[in-house]
Amino acid sequence: MSQPINLADKLAQISTHWDPHVIADYNGNEVMVVKF
């Protein structure tokens, strides 16, 4: 089983706006977030 991620920590690492970042992947899918 995968380890849970801390979303607040991942978002704090993003410095650019409107630039998608992959924070996790599962079953061949990517979880992406963007800061706006």
N, C-alpha and C. Protein backbone atom coordinates (compact mmCIF):
# COMPACT_ATOMS: atom_id res chain seq x y z
N MET A 1 0.84 -1.18 0.00
CA MET A 1 0.00 0.00 0.00
C MET A 1 0.88 1.24 0.00
N SER A 2 0.47 2.26 -0.72
CA SER A 2 1.21 3.51 -0.81
C SER A 2 1.07 4.33 0.46
N GLN A 3 2.05 5.18 0.69
CA GLN A 3 2.02 6.06 1.85
C GLN A 3 1.15 7.28 1.52
N PRO A 4 0.40 7.79 2.49
CA PRO A 4 -0.38 9.01 2.26
C PRO A 4 0.55 10.21 2.09
N ILE A 5 0.09 11.20 1.34
CA ILE A 5 0.88 12.42 1.16
C ILE A 5 0.22 13.55 1.94
N ASN A 6 1.01 14.53 2.29
CA ASN A 6 0.51 15.72 2.97
C ASN A 6 0.28 16.78 1.89
N LEU A 7 -0.97 17.03 1.56
CA LEU A 7 -1.30 17.96 0.49
C LEU A 7 -0.79 19.37 0.76
N ALA A 8 -0.85 19.81 1.99
CA ALA A 8 -0.36 21.16 2.34
C ALA A 8 1.14 21.27 2.06
N ASP A 9 1.91 20.23 2.37
CA ASP A 9 3.35 20.25 2.09
C ASP A 9 3.61 20.29 0.60
N LYS A 10 2.87 19.50 -0.16
CA LYS A 10 3.05 19.48 -1.62
C LYS A 10 2.70 20.83 -2.23
N LEU A 11 1.61 21.44 -1.78
CA LEU A 11 1.22 22.75 -2.32
C LEU A 11 2.23 23.83 -1.95
N ALA A 12 2.84 23.72 -0.79
CA ALA A 12 3.84 24.71 -0.37
C ALA A 12 5.08 24.67 -1.25
N GLN A 13 5.34 23.55 -1.89
CA GLN A 13 6.52 23.41 -2.76
C GLN A 13 6.31 24.04 -4.13
N ILE A 14 5.07 24.36 -4.48
CA ILE A 14 4.77 24.94 -5.79
C ILE A 14 4.92 26.45 -5.70
N SER A 15 5.75 27.02 -6.57
CA SER A 15 5.97 28.47 -6.52
C SER A 15 5.37 29.19 -7.72
N THR A 16 5.08 28.46 -8.80
CA THR A 16 4.54 29.10 -10.01
C THR A 16 3.04 28.92 -10.08
N HIS A 17 2.37 29.89 -10.68
CA HIS A 17 0.93 29.83 -10.85
C HIS A 17 0.60 29.23 -12.21
N TRP A 18 -0.52 28.51 -12.29
CA TRP A 18 -1.04 27.91 -13.52
C TRP A 18 -0.02 26.99 -14.19
N ASP A 19 0.75 26.27 -13.40
CA ASP A 19 1.74 25.31 -13.91
C ASP A 19 1.47 23.98 -13.21
N PRO A 20 0.79 23.04 -13.88
CA PRO A 20 0.41 21.78 -13.22
C PRO A 20 1.63 20.99 -12.73
N HIS A 21 1.50 20.41 -11.56
CA HIS A 21 2.54 19.57 -10.96
C HIS A 21 1.93 18.23 -10.57
N VAL A 22 2.66 17.16 -10.85
CA VAL A 22 2.23 15.83 -10.43
C VAL A 22 2.65 15.64 -8.98
N ILE A 23 1.69 15.34 -8.11
CA ILE A 23 2.01 15.13 -6.70
C ILE A 23 1.91 13.66 -6.30
N ALA A 24 1.25 12.86 -7.14
CA ALA A 24 1.10 11.43 -6.83
C ALA A 24 0.67 10.70 -8.10
N ASP A 25 0.83 9.40 -8.07
CA ASP A 25 0.29 8.58 -9.16
C ASP A 25 -0.25 7.29 -8.58
N TYR A 26 -1.25 6.76 -9.24
CA TYR A 26 -1.87 5.51 -8.81
C TYR A 26 -2.44 4.80 -10.02
N ASN A 27 -2.25 3.52 -10.11
CA ASN A 27 -2.80 2.70 -11.19
C ASN A 27 -2.56 3.32 -12.57
N GLY A 28 -1.40 3.92 -12.77
CA GLY A 28 -1.08 4.53 -14.05
C GLY A 28 -1.69 5.91 -14.27
N ASN A 29 -2.35 6.46 -13.27
CA ASN A 29 -2.94 7.80 -13.36
C ASN A 29 -2.12 8.77 -12.53
N GLU A 30 -2.09 10.02 -12.97
CA GLU A 30 -1.36 11.04 -12.24
C GLU A 30 -2.33 11.98 -11.53
N VAL A 31 -1.99 12.36 -10.31
CA VAL A 31 -2.75 13.36 -9.57
C VAL A 31 -1.98 14.67 -9.71
N MET A 32 -2.62 15.65 -10.34
CA MET A 32 -1.96 16.92 -10.60
C MET A 32 -2.67 18.04 -9.84
N VAL A 33 -1.88 19.01 -9.39
CA VAL A 33 -2.44 20.20 -8.75
C VAL A 33 -1.83 21.43 -9.41
N VAL A 34 -2.53 22.53 -9.29
CA VAL A 34 -2.05 23.80 -9.84
C VAL A 34 -2.39 24.90 -8.84
N LYS A 35 -1.51 25.87 -8.73
CA LYS A 35 -1.74 27.01 -7.83
C LYS A 35 -2.31 28.16 -8.67
N PHE A 36 -3.41 28.75 -8.18
CA PHE A 36 -3.95 29.93 -8.85
C PHE A 36 -4.31 30.99 -7.87
